[in-house]
């Protein structure tokens, strides 16, 4: 049986190649407290690889400073411009690599899932998400960029997922334990495949 910590620090990142937003929250039971949020600016860098290096270095610095228990990332959305998607995917991959190099587990969420969990509306605008977070975490200052609240939203979204899953009762240490406990479900899935 897994014993869950009473407290954990969650870091959220909204990866970008011009501006990367990040936010950190402390989760104590069902309560959330803002630790920090901000942006990493890269619009002054012309070289894509220098931007990736900056993302990696800043992510490592944040991980070392705040020692989060988990990193949650916003997954790149599927757009029409394949070059933009490729660059965003690389930015996300570099942030993932930074966390994995520190043995920090990584989870990713679709933009729509993040907005849905914060505002109740998967099509909410950045301003709506920011306003809900200000209310939820009781901070007054308006972030310099909405990318900071986007990063924060990823962290809060991750916290909300745990709250909803821990109430369901059971957790499993691996696939074998799940399969053994849910043989009918597993057998039905394999027949339908």
Protein backbone atom coordinates (compact mmCIF):
# COMPACT_ATOMS: atom_id res chain seq x y z
CA UNK A 1 0.00 0.00 0.00
CA UNK A 2 1.28 3.46 -0.90
CA UNK A 3 1.64 5.97 1.89
CA UNK A 4 1.10 9.48 0.58
CA UNK A 5 2.92 12.49 1.94
CA UNK A 6 0.86 15.02 3.87
CA UNK A 7 2.57 17.85 2.01
CA UNK A 8 4.03 18.18 -1.44
CA UNK A 9 5.40 20.88 -3.67
CA UNK A 10 4.07 20.88 -7.22
CA UNK A 11 5.82 22.78 -9.99
CA UNK A 12 3.91 23.62 -13.16
CA UNK A 13 5.44 24.76 -16.43
CA UNK A 14 3.84 26.24 -19.52
CA UNK A 15 6.67 25.67 -22.02
CA UNK A 16 7.30 28.26 -24.67
CA UNK A 17 10.20 29.35 -26.84
CA UNK A 18 9.68 33.09 -26.29
CA UNK A 19 8.31 33.02 -22.75
CA UNK A 20 8.12 30.04 -20.40
CA UNK A 21 5.72 30.38 -17.48
CA UNK A 22 6.15 28.54 -14.21
CA UNK A 23 4.36 28.30 -10.90
CA UNK A 24 4.85 26.43 -7.66
CA UNK A 25 2.27 25.52 -5.04
CA UNK A 26 2.45 23.82 -1.67
CA UNK A 27 -0.27 21.24 -1.20
CA UNK A 28 -1.19 20.50 2.44
CA UNK A 29 -4.02 18.01 2.41
CA UNK A 30 -6.75 19.71 0.39
CA UNK A 31 -5.31 23.22 0.88
CA UNK A 32 -3.11 24.97 -1.69
CA UNK A 33 -0.67 27.78 -1.05
CA UNK A 34 1.20 29.82 -3.65
CA UNK A 35 4.98 29.53 -3.33
CA UNK A 36 6.17 31.34 -6.45
CA UNK A 37 5.41 32.08 -10.07
CA UNK A 38 7.20 33.83 -12.87
CA UNK A 39 8.45 33.75 -16.40
CA UNK A 40 11.65 32.97 -18.25
CA UNK A 41 12.01 35.38 -21.15
CA UNK A 42 13.78 34.31 -24.31
CA UNK A 43 12.48 36.60 -27.02
CA UNK A 44 15.87 38.36 -27.08
CA UNK A 45 17.60 35.10 -28.12
CA UNK A 46 17.73 34.40 -31.87
CA UNK A 47 19.12 30.87 -31.77
CA UNK A 48 16.57 28.14 -30.99
CA UNK A 49 19.22 25.99 -29.30
CA UNK A 50 20.21 28.84 -26.99
CA UNK A 51 16.55 29.11 -26.01
CA UNK A 52 16.46 25.39 -25.22
CA UNK A 53 19.63 25.75 -23.16
CA UNK A 54 18.06 28.63 -21.20
CA UNK A 55 14.89 26.57 -20.55
CA UNK A 56 16.99 23.66 -19.29
CA UNK A 57 19.22 25.80 -17.08
CA UNK A 58 16.36 27.83 -15.58
CA UNK A 59 14.28 24.69 -14.97
CA UNK A 60 17.23 23.03 -13.20
CA UNK A 61 17.75 26.18 -11.08
CA UNK A 62 14.05 26.23 -10.07
CA UNK A 63 14.09 22.50 -9.28
CA UNK A 64 17.19 22.88 -7.14
CA UNK A 65 15.80 25.93 -5.34
CA UNK A 66 12.27 24.70 -4.58
CA UNK A 67 12.79 20.89 -4.59
CA UNK A 68 9.34 20.03 -5.97
CA UNK A 69 7.93 16.53 -5.55
CA UNK A 70 6.50 16.53 -9.07
CA UNK A 71 6.66 18.54 -12.30
CA UNK A 72 3.46 19.06 -14.29
CA UNK A 73 3.71 20.34 -17.86
CA UNK A 74 1.27 21.72 -20.36
CA UNK A 75 1.38 19.49 -23.42
CA UNK A 76 1.83 21.24 -26.78
CA UNK A 77 -1.51 21.72 -28.50
CA UNK A 78 -1.96 20.48 -32.05
CA UNK A 79 -1.92 23.40 -34.41
CA UNK A 80 -1.59 23.90 -38.12
CA UNK A 81 2.03 25.08 -38.05
CA UNK A 82 4.23 22.01 -37.71
CA UNK A 83 7.37 24.11 -37.06
CA UNK A 84 5.76 25.79 -34.04
CA UNK A 85 4.64 22.41 -32.70
CA UNK A 86 8.14 21.01 -33.14
CA UNK A 87 9.70 23.94 -31.27
CA UNK A 88 7.16 23.70 -28.44
CA UNK A 89 7.70 19.94 -28.22
CA UNK A 90 11.43 20.49 -27.90
CA UNK A 91 10.88 23.11 -25.17
CA UNK A 92 8.66 20.67 -23.29
CA UNK A 93 11.19 17.86 -23.76
CA UNK A 94 14.01 19.96 -22.36
CA UNK A 95 11.96 20.83 -19.26
CA UNK A 96 11.10 17.12 -18.87
CA UNK A 97 14.76 16.16 -19.18
CA UNK A 98 15.68 18.67 -16.47
CA UNK A 99 13.15 17.14 -14.05
CA UNK A 100 14.10 13.58 -14.93
CA UNK A 101 17.78 14.40 -14.36
CA UNK A 102 16.78 15.24 -10.77
CA UNK A 103 14.58 12.09 -10.44
CA UNK A 104 11.42 14.19 -10.27
CA UNK A 105 8.32 12.53 -11.79
CA UNK A 106 6.69 14.32 -14.72
CA UNK A 107 3.02 14.53 -15.69
CA UNK A 108 1.55 16.38 -18.65
CA UNK A 109 -1.90 17.83 -19.26
CA UNK A 110 -3.66 19.06 -22.35
CA UNK A 111 -4.40 22.82 -22.36
CA UNK A 112 -8.14 22.13 -22.43
CA UNK A 113 -7.90 19.84 -19.36
CA UNK A 114 -6.02 22.54 -17.43
CA UNK A 115 -8.58 25.25 -18.25
CA UNK A 116 -11.43 22.87 -17.43
CA UNK A 117 -10.00 21.99 -14.02
CA UNK A 118 -9.38 25.64 -13.05
CA UNK A 119 -12.46 27.39 -14.47
CA UNK A 120 -14.90 24.61 -15.30
CA UNK A 121 -14.66 25.66 -18.96
CA UNK A 122 -12.18 24.02 -21.35
CA UNK A 123 -12.42 27.04 -23.66
CA UNK A 124 -11.67 29.68 -21.00
CA UNK A 125 -9.31 32.51 -21.86
CA UNK A 126 -5.98 33.18 -20.16
CA UNK A 127 -7.54 36.11 -18.28
CA UNK A 128 -10.32 33.91 -16.85
CA UNK A 129 -7.77 31.33 -15.71
CA UNK A 130 -5.64 34.06 -14.08
CA UNK A 131 -8.67 35.54 -12.28
CA UNK A 132 -9.71 32.14 -10.90
CA UNK A 133 -6.19 31.48 -9.67
CA UNK A 134 -6.02 34.90 -7.97
CA UNK A 135 -9.24 34.06 -6.16
CA UNK A 136 -8.24 30.48 -5.32
CA UNK A 137 -4.72 31.26 -4.07
CA UNK A 138 -5.47 34.74 -2.66
CA UNK A 139 -2.83 36.77 -4.45
CA UNK A 140 -3.39 40.34 -5.53
CA UNK A 141 -0.48 41.15 -7.82
CA UNK A 142 -1.13 40.85 -11.53
CA UNK A 143 1.63 38.78 -13.08
CA UNK A 144 3.80 40.51 -15.66
CA UNK A 145 2.77 37.90 -18.19
CA UNK A 146 -0.21 35.59 -18.31
CA UNK A 147 2.34 32.86 -19.04
CA UNK A 148 3.18 32.90 -15.30
CA UNK A 149 -0.44 32.13 -14.35
CA UNK A 150 -0.54 29.52 -17.14
CA UNK A 151 2.38 27.74 -15.47
CA UNK A 152 0.68 28.08 -12.10
CA UNK A 153 -2.54 26.66 -13.58
CA UNK A 154 -0.69 23.48 -14.60
CA UNK A 155 0.48 22.97 -10.99
CA UNK A 156 -3.02 23.58 -9.59
CA UNK A 157 -4.55 21.27 -12.21
CA UNK A 158 -2.17 18.51 -11.09
CA UNK A 159 -3.19 19.01 -7.46
CA UNK A 160 -6.87 18.83 -8.39
CA UNK A 161 -6.33 15.51 -10.19
CA UNK A 162 -4.87 13.94 -7.06
CA UNK A 163 -7.71 15.16 -4.89
CA UNK A 164 -10.26 13.61 -7.25
CA UNK A 165 -8.36 10.32 -7.62
CA UNK A 166 -7.54 9.77 -3.95
CA UNK A 167 -11.23 9.90 -3.07
CA UNK A 168 -11.86 6.92 -5.35
CA UNK A 169 -10.26 4.71 -2.74
CA UNK A 170 -7.73 2.35 -4.20
CA UNK A 171 -4.24 2.88 -5.56
CA UNK A 172 -1.99 0.29 -7.16
CA UNK A 173 1.76 -0.26 -7.02
CA UNK A 174 1.91 -1.35 -10.67
CA UNK A 175 0.15 -2.96 -13.60
CA UNK A 176 0.25 -6.48 -12.11
CA UNK A 177 -1.57 -5.36 -8.95
CA UNK A 178 -4.19 -3.50 -11.01
CA UNK A 179 -4.68 -6.43 -13.42
CA UNK A 180 -5.01 -8.94 -10.57
CA UNK A 181 -7.64 -6.80 -8.84
CA UNK A 182 -9.54 -6.01 -12.08
CA UNK A 183 -9.40 -9.28 -14.06
CA UNK A 184 -12.87 -8.86 -15.60
CA UNK A 185 -12.07 -5.34 -16.84
CA UNK A 186 -8.71 -6.43 -18.25
CA UNK A 187 -10.20 -9.52 -19.95
CA UNK A 188 -13.05 -7.48 -21.47
CA UNK A 189 -10.59 -4.93 -22.87
CA UNK A 190 -8.41 -7.62 -24.47
CA UNK A 191 -11.47 -9.28 -26.10
CA UNK A 192 -12.64 -5.94 -27.48
CA UNK A 193 -9.22 -5.04 -28.91
